[in-house]
Amino acid sequence: MDALQNFGKNVGNTFTTSFTPFAARTQQFVKEQLGQADDKIRLAEADMFLKWNGGVAEKTQLPADYRELEARVDALQKVHVKMLSVTSQFSNEAYDYPPNLRESITDLSRTVANRVQALSNAATPGEAQDAITAPAQVPHEPKTFSHAISRAAAASVALLPDGDPLGSGFEKISTASRQIGQARLAMDKAIVDNLNTPWTTTLNITFKNVARERQAVENSRLLLDAAKAKQRQREQGGGTGGITLFKKNPADEAAADEQLRHEIERLEDEFITTMEKAVESMTGLLNTPEPLKGLSAFVTAQLDYHQAAVDSLHDVAESIGAIQREQEAAYLASRGRA
């Protein structure tokens, strides 16, 4: 047996010397997993004990300030979810012009046709591979409503004779609409970068971290309440309520009572510590300026877009108005000569 133990020690020393970093990480991982499993078992036992002794247990009350912090955190989380459910549309380029779906299908069909043509012309496997992986030759056209107006106006110019006043008006509209469309894309990007992305990160990381801290408080309270319930049960001489077959040793009972008292003191300290950590996390979440910063960026992005639209439309309105007046003057002059 001694030889076997010595062999085990030698193997352990060799393993530790050769693989210390890996072993340390593995050991830490195993400890964490075992610790988590042990915590789950303790919580399950405490929960079961309280359920079986519902008439004995009293729930430790959380401070009013703590409950108020929880309510504020829950409200802030709902604000994030509610706002993002709407502002997520800014990630969809065609949100203001759904008919652009037809244009997307047309572009896709053109791309597929081009790839099929390139494959049919390929003479080697390498050329065939290039035909499949080559980027699409169809240029991407933004799918906003303003860009669609710009394209329609540009197509109208091509259908009219050179110098036609209506064609000049369409040319002005095409340019202005494209500018407005580009401003809208800039607004979308600013909102996604400065509101949607940070708020989504906050929901997925910060709120979840705070939720873990709050759950730790609930778990700590559960263990504390279970220990207090056991103490009350012992003080009342309840035990399990069954018939005692053996006489209890007073010394053992005193030792058990003392051990339970120390356990309650430890759990009370743990409960206070976890609650302080949760308060710190919730306070930090509530006091961060990030939500208001994102909201400010949201409003500024819209202001910049609408200002750009006003400027573009103001210029084109003056230009088309001048063309209109010239055309009306020419028309009245021609009627007068007639």
C-alpha atoms as a PDB file:
ATOM      1  CA  MET A   1       0.000   0.000   0.000  1.00  0.00           C
ATOM      2  CA  ASP A   2       2.887   2.371   0.881  1.00  0.00           C
ATOM      3  CA  ALA A   3       4.522   1.619  -2.456  1.00  0.00           C
ATOM      4  CA  LEU A   4       1.282   2.383  -4.261  1.00  0.00           C
ATOM      5  CA  GLN A   5       0.895   5.660  -2.381  1.00  0.00           C
ATOM      6  CA  ASN A   6       4.494   6.633  -3.144  1.00  0.00           C
ATOM      7  CA  PHE A   7       3.936   5.805  -6.808  1.00  0.00           C
ATOM      8  CA  GLY A   8       0.850   7.978  -6.831  1.00  0.00           C
ATOM      9  CA  LYS A   9       2.742  10.855  -5.212  1.00  0.00           C
ATOM     10  CA  ASN A  10       5.564  10.559  -7.749  1.00  0.00           C
ATOM     11  CA  VAL A  11       3.165  10.556 -10.659  1.00  0.00           C
ATOM     12  CA  GLY A  12       1.331  13.519  -9.158  1.00  0.00           C
ATOM     13  CA  ASN A  13       4.576  15.460  -8.703  1.00  0.00           C
ATOM     14  CA  THR A  14       5.671  14.721 -12.268  1.00  0.00           C
ATOM     15  CA  PHE A  15       2.287  15.773 -13.645  1.00  0.00           C
ATOM     16  CA  THR A  16       2.311  18.959 -11.584  1.00  0.00           C
ATOM     17  CA  THR A  17       5.820  19.863 -12.676  1.00  0.00           C
ATOM     18  CA  SER A  18       5.220  19.196 -16.369  1.00  0.00           C
ATOM     19  CA  PHE A  19       1.739  20.543 -16.766  1.00  0.00           C
ATOM     20  CA  THR A  20       1.352  23.150 -14.058  1.00  0.00           C
ATOM     21  CA  PRO A  21      -0.484  25.816 -16.138  1.00  0.00           C
ATOM     22  CA  PHE A  22      -2.895  23.326 -17.667  1.00  0.00           C
ATOM     23  CA  ALA A  23      -3.393  21.509 -14.373  1.00  0.00           C
ATOM     24  CA  ALA A  24      -4.066  24.730 -12.543  1.00  0.00           C
ATOM     25  CA  ARG A  25      -6.691  25.766 -15.049  1.00  0.00           C
ATOM     26  CA  THR A  26      -8.265  22.323 -14.978  1.00  0.00           C
ATOM     27  CA  GLN A  27      -8.270  22.247 -11.197  1.00  0.00           C
ATOM     28  CA  GLN A  28      -9.892  25.667 -11.034  1.00  0.00           C
ATOM     29  CA  PHE A  29     -12.522  24.608 -13.571  1.00  0.00           C
ATOM     30  CA  VAL A  30     -13.321  21.456 -11.608  1.00  0.00           C
ATOM     31  CA  LYS A  31     -13.538  23.444  -8.368  1.00  0.00           C
ATOM     32  CA  GLU A  32     -15.914  25.919  -9.958  1.00  0.00           C
ATOM     33  CA  GLN A  33     -18.108  23.184 -11.381  1.00  0.00           C
ATOM     34  CA  LEU A  34     -18.163  21.250  -8.124  1.00  0.00           C
ATOM     35  CA  GLY A  35     -18.826  24.466  -6.243  1.00  0.00           C
ATOM     36  CA  GLN A  36     -21.753  25.277  -8.483  1.00  0.00           C
ATOM     37  CA  ALA A  37     -23.134  21.785  -8.088  1.00  0.00           C
ATOM     38  CA  ASP A  38     -22.725  21.988  -4.303  1.00  0.00           C
ATOM     39  CA  ASP A  39     -24.498  25.357  -4.226  1.00  0.00           C
ATOM     40  CA  LYS A  40     -27.383  23.957  -6.226  1.00  0.00           C
ATOM     41  CA  ILE A  41     -27.697  21.020  -3.848  1.00  0.00           C
ATOM     42  CA  ARG A  42     -27.660  23.326  -0.800  1.00  0.00           C
ATOM     43  CA  LEU A  43     -30.307  25.566  -2.353  1.00  0.00           C
ATOM     44  CA  ALA A  44     -32.487  22.613  -3.308  1.00  0.00           C
ATOM     45  CA  GLU A  45     -32.248  21.198   0.200  1.00  0.00           C
ATOM     46  CA  ALA A  46     -33.075  24.558   1.762  1.00  0.00           C
ATOM     47  CA  ASP A  47     -36.039  25.080  -0.553  1.00  0.00           C
ATOM     48  CA  MET A  48     -37.357  21.584   0.191  1.00  0.00           C
ATOM     49  CA  PHE A  49     -36.967  22.103   3.935  1.00  0.00           C
ATOM     50  CA  LEU A  50     -38.896  25.385   3.827  1.00  0.00           C
ATOM     51  CA  LYS A  51     -41.669  23.814   1.789  1.00  0.00           C
ATOM     52  CA  TRP A  52     -42.006  20.961   4.261  1.00  0.00           C
ATOM     53  CA  ASN A  53     -41.980  23.358   7.204  1.00  0.00           C
ATOM     54  CA  GLY A  54     -43.986  26.236   5.823  1.00  0.00           C
ATOM     55  CA  GLY A  55     -45.678  26.895   9.112  1.00  0.00           C
ATOM     56  CA  VAL A  56     -42.325  27.269  10.890  1.00  0.00           C
ATOM     57  CA  ALA A  57     -40.344  29.351   8.417  1.00  0.00           C
ATOM     58  CA  GLU A  58     -40.427  33.136   8.301  1.00  0.00           C
ATOM     59  CA  LYS A  59     -39.140  34.913   5.215  1.00  0.00           C
ATOM     60  CA  THR A  60     -36.376  37.430   5.842  1.00  0.00           C
ATOM     61  CA  GLN A  61     -37.596  40.775   4.578  1.00  0.00           C
ATOM     62  CA  LEU A  62     -35.478  42.836   2.193  1.00  0.00           C
ATOM     63  CA  PRO A  63     -34.997  46.525   3.038  1.00  0.00           C
ATOM     64  CA  ALA A  64     -37.408  48.947   1.386  1.00  0.00           C
ATOM     65  CA  ASP A  65     -34.520  50.788  -0.299  1.00  0.00           C
ATOM     66  CA  TYR A  66     -33.339  47.531  -1.834  1.00  0.00           C
ATOM     67  CA  ARG A  67     -36.797  46.707  -3.177  1.00  0.00           C
ATOM     68  CA  GLU A  68     -37.031  50.209  -4.626  1.00  0.00           C
ATOM     69  CA  LEU A  69     -33.725  49.706  -6.442  1.00  0.00           C
ATOM     70  CA  GLU A  70     -35.019  46.435  -7.868  1.00  0.00           C
ATOM     71  CA  ALA A  71     -38.182  48.134  -9.122  1.00  0.00           C
ATOM     72  CA  ARG A  72     -36.162  50.892 -10.782  1.00  0.00           C
ATOM     73  CA  VAL A  73     -33.870  48.357 -12.460  1.00  0.00           C
ATOM     74  CA  ASP A  74     -36.862  46.397 -13.764  1.00  0.00           C
ATOM     75  CA  ALA A  75     -38.416  49.600 -15.112  1.00  0.00           C
ATOM     76  CA  LEU A  76     -35.170  50.597 -16.834  1.00  0.00           C
ATOM     77  CA  GLN A  77     -34.904  47.181 -18.426  1.00  0.00           C
ATOM     78  CA  LYS A  78     -38.442  47.492 -19.790  1.00  0.00           C
ATOM     79  CA  VAL A  79     -37.511  50.916 -21.208  1.00  0.00           C
ATOM     80  CA  HIS A  80     -34.561  49.386 -23.079  1.00  0.00           C
ATOM     81  CA  VAL A  81     -36.680  46.568 -24.467  1.00  0.00           C
ATOM     82  CA  LYS A  82     -39.557  48.855 -25.464  1.00  0.00           C
ATOM     83  CA  MET A  83     -37.333  51.382 -27.216  1.00  0.00           C
ATOM     84  CA  LEU A  84     -35.207  48.803 -29.035  1.00  0.00           C
ATOM     85  CA  SER A  85     -38.321  47.018 -30.285  1.00  0.00           C
ATOM     86  CA  VAL A  86     -38.932  50.151 -32.389  1.00  0.00           C
ATOM     87  CA  THR A  87     -35.465  51.562 -33.100  1.00  0.00           C
ATOM     88  CA  SER A  88     -34.285  48.165 -34.363  1.00  0.00           C
ATOM     89  CA  GLN A  89     -36.040  49.159 -37.600  1.00  0.00           C
ATOM     90  CA  PHE A  90     -33.166  51.522 -38.334  1.00  0.00           C
ATOM     91  CA  SER A  91     -31.099  48.422 -39.143  1.00  0.00           C
ATOM     92  CA  ASN A  92     -33.504  47.650 -41.993  1.00  0.00           C
ATOM     93  CA  GLU A  93     -32.521  49.839 -44.920  1.00  0.00           C
ATOM     94  CA  ALA A  94     -35.863  49.571 -46.682  1.00  0.00           C
ATOM     95  CA  TYR A  95     -38.066  50.319 -43.669  1.00  0.00           C
ATOM     96  CA  ASP A  96     -39.657  53.339 -45.379  1.00  0.00           C
ATOM     97  CA  TYR A  97     -40.159  51.692 -48.776  1.00  0.00           C
ATOM     98  CA  PRO A  98     -41.200  48.011 -48.627  1.00  0.00           C
ATOM     99  CA  PRO A  99     -41.821  47.821 -52.423  1.00  0.00           C
ATOM    100  CA  ASN A 100     -38.028  47.872 -52.796  1.00  0.00           C
ATOM    101  CA  LEU A 101     -38.286  44.146 -52.130  1.00  0.00           C
ATOM    102  CA  ARG A 102     -39.156  43.770 -55.806  1.00  0.00           C
ATOM    103  CA  GLU A 103     -35.999  45.630 -56.769  1.00  0.00           C
ATOM    104  CA  SER A 104     -33.972  43.359 -54.488  1.00  0.00           C
ATOM    105  CA  ILE A 105     -35.439  40.301 -56.192  1.00  0.00           C
ATOM    106  CA  THR A 106     -34.627  41.818 -59.582  1.00  0.00           C
ATOM    107  CA  ASP A 107     -31.041  42.478 -58.498  1.00  0.00           C
ATOM    108  CA  LEU A 108     -30.721  38.920 -57.192  1.00  0.00           C
ATOM    109  CA  SER A 109     -32.081  37.484 -60.443  1.00  0.00           C
ATOM    110  CA  ARG A 110     -29.601  39.580 -62.419  1.00  0.00           C
ATOM    111  CA  THR A 111     -26.734  38.388 -60.224  1.00  0.00           C
ATOM    112  CA  VAL A 112     -27.725  34.738 -60.626  1.00  0.00           C
ATOM    113  CA  ALA A 113     -28.020  35.187 -64.394  1.00  0.00           C
ATOM    114  CA  ASN A 114     -24.544  36.745 -64.535  1.00  0.00           C
ATOM    115  CA  ARG A 115     -23.029  33.884 -62.539  1.00  0.00           C
ATOM    116  CA  VAL A 116     -24.712  31.285 -64.742  1.00  0.00           C
ATOM    117  CA  GLN A 117     -23.368  33.054 -67.830  1.00  0.00           C
ATOM    118  CA  ALA A 118     -19.864  33.188 -66.329  1.00  0.00           C
ATOM    119  CA  LEU A 119     -20.007  29.472 -65.467  1.00  0.00           C
ATOM    120  CA  SER A 120     -21.079  28.587 -68.984  1.00  0.00           C
ATOM    121  CA  ASN A 121     -18.075  30.485 -70.358  1.00  0.00           C
ATOM    122  CA  ALA A 122     -15.585  28.892 -67.910  1.00  0.00           C
ATOM    123  CA  ALA A 123     -13.026  26.654 -69.612  1.00  0.00           C
ATOM    124  CA  THR A 124     -11.166  25.383 -66.505  1.00  0.00           C
ATOM    125  CA  PRO A 125     -12.105  24.428 -62.943  1.00  0.00           C
ATOM    126  CA  GLY A 126     -10.276  27.538 -61.745  1.00  0.00           C
ATOM    127  CA  GLU A 127     -12.381  29.813 -63.930  1.00  0.00           C
ATOM    128  CA  ALA A 128     -15.521  28.061 -62.699  1.00  0.00           C
ATOM    129  CA  GLN A 129     -14.450  28.622 -59.100  1.00  0.00           C
ATOM    130  CA  ASP A 130     -13.803  32.291 -59.821  1.00  0.00           C
ATOM    131  CA  ALA A 131     -17.218  32.615 -61.428  1.00  0.00           C
ATOM    132  CA  ILE A 132     -18.866  31.265 -58.285  1.00  0.00           C
ATOM    133  CA  THR A 133     -16.884  33.251 -55.723  1.00  0.00           C
ATOM    134  CA  ALA A 134     -16.539  36.521 -57.646  1.00  0.00           C
ATOM    135  CA  PRO A 135     -18.363  39.486 -56.072  1.00  0.00           C
ATOM    136  CA  ALA A 136     -21.672  40.481 -57.582  1.00  0.00           C
ATOM    137  CA  GLN A 137     -21.329  42.773 -60.606  1.00  0.00           C
ATOM    138  CA  VAL A 138     -24.684  44.415 -59.931  1.00  0.00           C
ATOM    139  CA  PRO A 139     -23.964  47.573 -57.927  1.00  0.00           C
ATOM    140  CA  HIS A 140     -25.835  47.916 -54.665  1.00  0.00           C
ATOM    141  CA  GLU A 141     -28.505  50.569 -54.804  1.00  0.00           C
ATOM    142  CA  PRO A 142     -29.769  51.844 -51.450  1.00  0.00           C
ATOM    143  CA  LYS A 143     -33.326  50.712 -50.791  1.00  0.00           C
ATOM    144  CA  THR A 144     -34.650  53.871 -49.154  1.00  0.00           C
ATOM    145  CA  PHE A 145     -37.772  55.682 -50.317  1.00  0.00           C
ATOM    146  CA  SER A 146     -35.743  58.789 -51.186  1.00  0.00           C
ATOM    147  CA  HIS A 147     -33.325  56.776 -53.324  1.00  0.00           C
ATOM    148  CA  ALA A 148     -36.277  55.155 -55.077  1.00  0.00           C
ATOM    149  CA  ILE A 149     -37.677  58.634 -55.892  1.00  0.00           C
ATOM    150  CA  SER A 150     -34.242  59.674 -57.125  1.00  0.00           C
ATOM    151  CA  ARG A 151     -34.031  56.673 -59.460  1.00  0.00           C
ATOM    152  CA  ALA A 152     -37.571  57.201 -60.752  1.00  0.00           C
ATOM    153  CA  ALA A 153     -36.860  60.891 -61.409  1.00  0.00           C
ATOM    154  CA  ALA A 154     -33.581  60.077 -63.186  1.00  0.00           C
ATOM    155  CA  ALA A 155     -35.365  57.524 -65.373  1.00  0.00           C
ATOM    156  CA  SER A 156     -37.991  60.163 -66.203  1.00  0.00           C
ATOM    157  CA  VAL A 157     -35.275  62.580 -67.336  1.00  0.00           C
ATOM    158  CA  ALA A 158     -34.010  59.973 -69.773  1.00  0.00           C
ATOM    159  CA  LEU A 159     -37.480  59.618 -71.291  1.00  0.00           C
ATOM    160  CA  LEU A 160     -37.909  63.341 -71.984  1.00  0.00           C
ATOM    161  CA  PRO A 161     -36.243  65.407 -74.706  1.00  0.00           C
ATOM    162  CA  ASP A 162     -33.176  67.471 -73.881  1.00  0.00           C
ATOM    163  CA  GLY A 163     -33.987  70.908 -72.521  1.00  0.00           C
ATOM    164  CA  ASP A 164     -37.518  69.961 -71.537  1.00  0.00           C
ATOM    165  CA  PRO A 165     -38.544  72.037 -68.459  1.00  0.00           C
ATOM    166  CA  LEU A 166     -40.168  69.007 -66.855  1.00  0.00           C
ATOM    167  CA  GLY A 167     -36.966  67.049 -67.377  1.00  0.00           C
ATOM    168  CA  SER A 168     -35.011  69.845 -65.680  1.00  0.00           C
ATOM    169  CA  GLY A 169     -37.388  69.644 -62.735  1.00  0.00           C
ATOM    170  CA  PHE A 170     -36.968  65.869 -62.492  1.00  0.00           C
ATOM    171  CA  GLU A 171     -33.192  66.280 -62.608  1.00  0.00           C
ATOM    172  CA  LYS A 172     -33.317  68.644 -59.629  1.00  0.00           C
ATOM    173  CA  ILE A 173     -35.589  66.257 -57.707  1.00  0.00           C
ATOM    174  CA  SER A 174     -33.341  63.293 -58.478  1.00  0.00           C
ATOM    175  CA  THR A 175     -30.299  65.050 -57.058  1.00  0.00           C
ATOM    176  CA  ALA A 176     -32.117  66.330 -53.968  1.00  0.00           C
ATOM    177  CA  SER A 177     -33.756  62.973 -53.241  1.00  0.00           C
ATOM    178  CA  ARG A 178     -30.422  61.182 -53.438  1.00  0.00           C
ATOM    179  CA  GLN A 179     -28.953  63.674 -50.980  1.00  0.00           C
ATOM    180  CA  ILE A 180     -31.883  63.126 -48.626  1.00  0.00           C
ATOM    181  CA  GLY A 181     -31.502  59.364 -48.971  1.00  0.00           C
ATOM    182  CA  GLN A 182     -27.808  59.556 -48.098  1.00  0.00           C
ATOM    183  CA  ALA A 183     -28.658  61.726 -45.084  1.00  0.00           C
ATOM    184  CA  ARG A 184     -31.200  59.125 -43.982  1.00  0.00           C
ATOM    185  CA  LEU A 185     -28.597  56.360 -44.228  1.00  0.00           C
ATOM    186  CA  ALA A 186     -26.234  58.472 -42.124  1.00  0.00           C
ATOM    187  CA  MET A 187     -29.009  58.928 -39.552  1.00  0.00           C
ATOM    188  CA  ASP A 188     -29.676  55.194 -39.476  1.00  0.00           C
ATOM    189  CA  LYS A 189     -26.011  54.397 -38.918  1.00  0.00           C
ATOM    190  CA  ALA A 190     -25.702  56.985 -36.132  1.00  0.00           C
ATOM    191  CA  ILE A 191     -28.744  55.571 -34.338  1.00  0.00           C
ATOM    192  CA  VAL A 192     -27.577  51.971 -34.694  1.00  0.00           C
ATOM    193  CA  ASP A 193     -24.035  52.795 -33.537  1.00  0.00           C
ATOM    194  CA  ASN A 194     -24.912  55.147 -30.687  1.00  0.00           C
ATOM    195  CA  LEU A 195     -28.247  53.811 -29.417  1.00  0.00           C
ATOM    196  CA  ASN A 196     -29.120  50.326 -30.606  1.00  0.00           C
ATOM    197  CA  THR A 197     -25.705  48.714 -30.180  1.00  0.00           C
ATOM    198  CA  PRO A 198     -24.863  50.140 -26.719  1.00  0.00           C
ATOM    199  CA  TRP A 199     -28.366  49.514 -25.390  1.00  0.00           C
ATOM    200  CA  THR A 200     -28.364  45.951 -26.718  1.00  0.00           C
ATOM    201  CA  THR A 201     -24.999  45.357 -25.066  1.00  0.00           C
ATOM    202  CA  THR A 202     -26.372  46.729 -21.809  1.00  0.00           C
ATOM    203  CA  LEU A 203     -29.334  44.352 -22.014  1.00  0.00           C
ATOM    204  CA  ASN A 204     -27.205  41.314 -22.842  1.00  0.00           C
ATOM    205  CA  ILE A 205     -24.388  41.957 -20.360  1.00  0.00           C
ATOM    206  CA  THR A 206     -25.016  44.581 -17.688  1.00  0.00           C
ATOM    207  CA  PHE A 207     -28.622  43.682 -16.891  1.00  0.00           C
ATOM    208  CA  LYS A 208     -27.740  39.971 -16.818  1.00  0.00           C
ATOM    209  CA  ASN A 209     -24.851  40.624 -14.428  1.00  0.00           C
ATOM    210  CA  VAL A 210     -27.165  42.597 -12.162  1.00  0.00           C
ATOM    211  CA  ALA A 211     -29.726  39.795 -12.375  1.00  0.00           C
ATOM    212  CA  ARG A 212     -27.083  37.318 -11.185  1.00  0.00           C
ATOM    213  CA  GLU A 213     -26.269  39.547  -8.215  1.00  0.00           C
ATOM    214  CA  ARG A 214     -29.957  39.801  -7.341  1.00  0.00           C
ATOM    215  CA  GLN A 215     -30.361  36.031  -7.648  1.00  0.00           C
ATOM    216  CA  ALA A 216     -27.398  35.595  -5.315  1.00  0.00           C
ATOM    217  CA  VAL A 217     -29.284  37.668  -2.739  1.00  0.00           C
ATOM    218  CA  GLU A 218     -32.358  35.459  -3.104  1.00  0.00           C
ATOM    219  CA  ASN A 219     -30.248  32.321  -2.798  1.00  0.00           C
ATOM    220  CA  SER A 220     -28.502  33.669   0.281  1.00  0.00           C
ATOM    221  CA  ARG A 221     -31.825  34.604   1.834  1.00  0.00           C
ATOM    222  CA  LEU A 222     -33.182  31.120   1.124  1.00  0.00           C
ATOM    223  CA  LEU A 223     -30.269  29.456   2.909  1.00  0.00           C
ATOM    224  CA  LEU A 224     -30.556  31.851   5.849  1.00  0.00           C
ATOM    225  CA  ASP A 225     -34.296  31.313   6.224  1.00  0.00           C
ATOM    226  CA  ALA A 226     -33.840  27.542   6.109  1.00  0.00           C
ATOM    227  CA  ALA A 227     -31.194  27.697   8.849  1.00  0.00           C
ATOM    228  CA  LYS A 228     -33.395  29.948  11.010  1.00  0.00           C
ATOM    229  CA  ALA A 229     -36.319  27.577  10.521  1.00  0.00           C
ATOM    230  CA  LYS A 230     -34.179  24.689  11.735  1.00  0.00           C
ATOM    231  CA  GLN A 231     -33.192  26.714  14.783  1.00  0.00           C
ATOM    232  CA  ARG A 232     -36.823  27.484  15.645  1.00  0.00           C
ATOM    233  CA  GLN A 233     -37.694  23.869  15.198  1.00  0.00           C
ATOM    234  CA  ARG A 234     -34.961  22.804  17.608  1.00  0.00           C
ATOM    235  CA  GLU A 235     -35.946  25.472  20.145  1.00  0.00           C
ATOM    236  CA  GLN A 236     -39.532  24.207  20.064  1.00  0.00           C
ATOM    237  CA  GLY A 237     -38.308  20.647  20.422  1.00  0.00           C
ATOM    238  CA  GLY A 238     -39.981  19.799  17.174  1.00  0.00           C
ATOM    239  CA  GLY A 239     -37.332  17.780  15.447  1.00  0.00           C
ATOM    240  CA  THR A 240     -39.134  15.972  12.647  1.00  0.00           C
ATOM    241  CA  GLY A 241     -42.308  15.516  14.659  1.00  0.00           C
ATOM    242  CA  GLY A 242     -41.823  11.764  14.840  1.00  0.00           C
ATOM    243  CA  ILE A 243     -41.332   9.429  17.812  1.00  0.00           C
ATOM    244  CA  THR A 244     -37.841   9.604  19.367  1.00  0.00           C
ATOM    245  CA  LEU A 245     -36.448   6.090  19.799  1.00  0.00           C
ATOM    246  CA  PHE A 246     -33.160   7.063  21.401  1.00  0.00           C
ATOM    247  CA  LYS A 247     -32.463   9.500  24.186  1.00  0.00           C
ATOM    248  CA  LYS A 248     -30.589  12.561  22.964  1.00  0.00           C
ATOM    249  CA  ASN A 249     -27.190  13.341  24.398  1.00  0.00           C
ATOM    250  CA  PRO A 250     -27.324  16.848  25.949  1.00  0.00           C
ATOM    251  CA  ALA A 251     -23.689  17.509  25.057  1.00  0.00           C
ATOM    252  CA  ASP A 252     -24.298  16.561  21.437  1.00  0.00           C
ATOM    253  CA  GLU A 253     -27.439  18.681  21.352  1.00  0.00           C
ATOM    254  CA  ALA A 254     -25.593  21.675  22.764  1.00  0.00           C
ATOM    255  CA  ALA A 255     -22.817  21.228  20.224  1.00  0.00           C
ATOM    256  CA  ALA A 256     -25.348  20.998  17.418  1.00  0.00           C
ATOM    257  CA  ASP A 257     -27.115  24.129  18.643  1.00  0.00           C
ATOM    258  CA  GLU A 258     -23.839  26.014  18.798  1.00  0.00           C
ATOM    259  CA  GLN A 259     -22.874  24.840  15.318  1.00  0.00           C
ATOM    260  CA  LEU A 260     -26.245  25.943  13.949  1.00  0.00           C
ATOM    261  CA  ARG A 261     -25.892  29.330  15.662  1.00  0.00           C
ATOM    262  CA  HIS A 262     -22.498  29.885  14.029  1.00  0.00           C
ATOM    263  CA  GLU A 263     -23.949  28.775  10.699  1.00  0.00           C
ATOM    264  CA  ILE A 264     -26.747  31.335  10.996  1.00  0.00           C
ATOM    265  CA  GLU A 265     -24.249  34.067  11.828  1.00  0.00           C
ATOM    266  CA  ARG A 266     -22.186  33.117   8.794  1.00  0.00           C
ATOM    267  CA  LEU A 267     -25.245  33.063   6.543  1.00  0.00           C
ATOM    268  CA  GLU A 268     -26.357  36.455   7.873  1.00  0.00           C
ATOM    269  CA  ASP A 269     -22.965  37.927   7.021  1.00  0.00           C
ATOM    270  CA  GLU A 270     -23.117  36.297   3.598  1.00  0.00           C
ATOM    271  CA  PHE A 271     -26.630  37.654   3.058  1.00  0.00           C
ATOM    272  CA  ILE A 272     -25.519  41.193   3.913  1.00  0.00           C
ATOM    273  CA  THR A 273     -22.442  40.899   1.680  1.00  0.00           C
ATOM    274  CA  THR A 274     -24.401  39.656  -1.333  1.00  0.00           C
ATOM    275  CA  MET A 275     -27.011  42.356  -0.784  1.00  0.00           C
ATOM    276  CA  GLU A 276     -24.312  45.059  -0.682  1.00  0.00           C
ATOM    277  CA  LYS A 277     -22.846  43.756  -3.942  1.00  0.00           C
ATOM    278  CA  ALA A 278     -26.276  43.740  -5.552  1.00  0.00           C
ATOM    279  CA  VAL A 279     -26.948  47.291  -4.354  1.00  0.00           C
ATOM    280  CA  GLU A 280     -23.622  48.418  -5.814  1.00  0.00           C
ATOM    281  CA  SER A 281     -24.388  46.762  -9.165  1.00  0.00           C
ATOM    282  CA  MET A 282     -27.932  48.139  -9.368  1.00  0.00           C
ATOM    283  CA  THR A 283     -26.828  51.633  -8.344  1.00  0.00           C
ATOM    284  CA  GLY A 284     -24.094  51.615 -10.961  1.00  0.00           C
ATOM    285  CA  LEU A 285     -26.564  50.523 -13.632  1.00  0.00           C
ATOM    286  CA  LEU A 286     -29.094  53.184 -12.674  1.00  0.00           C
ATOM    287  CA  ASN A 287     -26.552  56.005 -12.469  1.00  0.00           C
ATOM    288  CA  THR A 288     -24.686  55.360 -15.716  1.00  0.00           C
ATOM    289  CA  PRO A 289     -25.070  58.183 -18.267  1.00  0.00           C
ATOM    290  CA  GLU A 290     -25.072  55.760 -21.203  1.00  0.00           C
ATOM    291  CA  PRO A 291     -28.871  55.574 -21.717  1.00  0.00           C
ATOM    292  CA  LEU A 292     -29.272  59.347 -21.859  1.00  0.00           C
ATOM    293  CA  LYS A 293     -26.182  59.587 -24.052  1.00  0.00           C
ATOM    294  CA  GLY A 294     -27.787  57.185 -26.524  1.00  0.00           C
ATOM    295  CA  LEU A 295     -31.065  59.085 -26.413  1.00  0.00           C
ATOM    296  CA  SER A 296     -29.245  62.350 -27.128  1.00  0.00           C
ATOM    297  CA  ALA A 297     -27.485  60.756 -30.104  1.00  0.00           C
ATOM    298  CA  PHE A 298     -30.847  59.472 -31.327  1.00  0.00           C
ATOM    299  CA  VAL A 299     -32.391  62.945 -31.328  1.00  0.00           C
ATOM    300  CA  THR A 300     -29.291  64.583 -32.827  1.00  0.00           C
ATOM    301  CA  ALA A 301     -29.193  62.063 -35.676  1.00  0.00           C
ATOM    302  CA  GLN A 302     -32.817  62.777 -36.527  1.00  0.00           C
ATOM    303  CA  LEU A 303     -32.252  66.527 -36.311  1.00  0.00           C
ATOM    304  CA  ASP A 304     -29.292  66.315 -38.702  1.00  0.00           C
ATOM    305  CA  TYR A 305     -31.330  64.229 -41.144  1.00  0.00           C
ATOM    306  CA  HIS A 306     -34.364  66.505 -41.139  1.00  0.00           C
ATOM    307  CA  GLN A 307     -32.166  69.590 -41.424  1.00  0.00           C
ATOM    308  CA  ALA A 308     -30.418  68.071 -44.442  1.00  0.00           C
ATOM    309  CA  ALA A 309     -33.816  67.242 -45.952  1.00  0.00           C
ATOM    310  CA  VAL A 310     -35.055  70.804 -45.370  1.00  0.00           C
ATOM    311  CA  ASP A 311     -31.957  72.306 -46.980  1.00  0.00           C
ATOM    312  CA  SER A 312     -32.152  70.032 -50.036  1.00  0.00           C
ATOM    313  CA  LEU A 313     -35.870  70.514 -50.531  1.00  0.00           C
ATOM    314  CA  HIS A 314     -35.584  74.280 -50.051  1.00  0.00           C
ATOM    315  CA  ASP A 315     -32.997  74.523 -52.834  1.00  0.00           C
ATOM    316  CA  VAL A 316     -34.889  72.267 -55.222  1.00  0.00           C
ATOM    317  CA  ALA A 317     -38.167  74.067 -54.517  1.00  0.00           C
ATOM    318  CA  GLU A 318     -36.583  77.401 -55.485  1.00  0.00           C
ATOM    319  CA  SER A 319     -35.036  75.880 -58.620  1.00  0.00           C
ATOM    320  CA  ILE A 320     -38.242  74.210 -59.792  1.00  0.00           C
ATOM    321  CA  GLY A 321     -40.217  77.342 -58.948  1.00  0.00           C
ATOM    322  CA  ALA A 322     -37.930  79.389 -61.209  1.00  0.00           C
ATOM    323  CA  ILE A 323     -38.272  76.851 -64.039  1.00  0.00           C
ATOM    324  CA  GLN A 324     -42.042  76.862 -63.585  1.00  0.00           C
ATOM    325  CA  ARG A 325     -42.229  80.643 -63.788  1.00  0.00           C
ATOM    326  CA  GLU A 326     -40.115  80.666 -66.949  1.00  0.00           C
ATOM    327  CA  GLN A 327     -42.333  78.026 -68.533  1.00  0.00           C
ATOM    328  CA  GLU A 328     -45.522  79.895 -67.597  1.00  0.00           C
ATOM    329  CA  ALA A 329     -44.124  83.127 -68.985  1.00  0.00           C
ATOM    330  CA  ALA A 330     -43.186  81.424 -72.233  1.00  0.00           C
ATOM    331  CA  TYR A 331     -46.599  79.780 -72.410  1.00  0.00           C
ATOM    332  CA  LEU A 332     -48.448  83.095 -71.876  1.00  0.00           C
ATOM    333  CA  ALA A 333     -46.235  84.774 -74.415  1.00  0.00           C
ATOM    334  CA  SER A 334     -47.020  82.091 -76.987  1.00  0.00           C
ATOM    335  CA  ARG A 335     -50.750  82.442 -76.275  1.00  0.00           C
ATOM    336  CA  GLY A 336     -50.514  86.209 -76.713  1.00  0.00           C
ATOM    337  CA  ARG A 337     -48.878  85.859 -80.100  1.00  0.00           C
ATOM    338  CA  ALA A 338     -51.550  83.407 -81.094  1.00  0.00           C
END
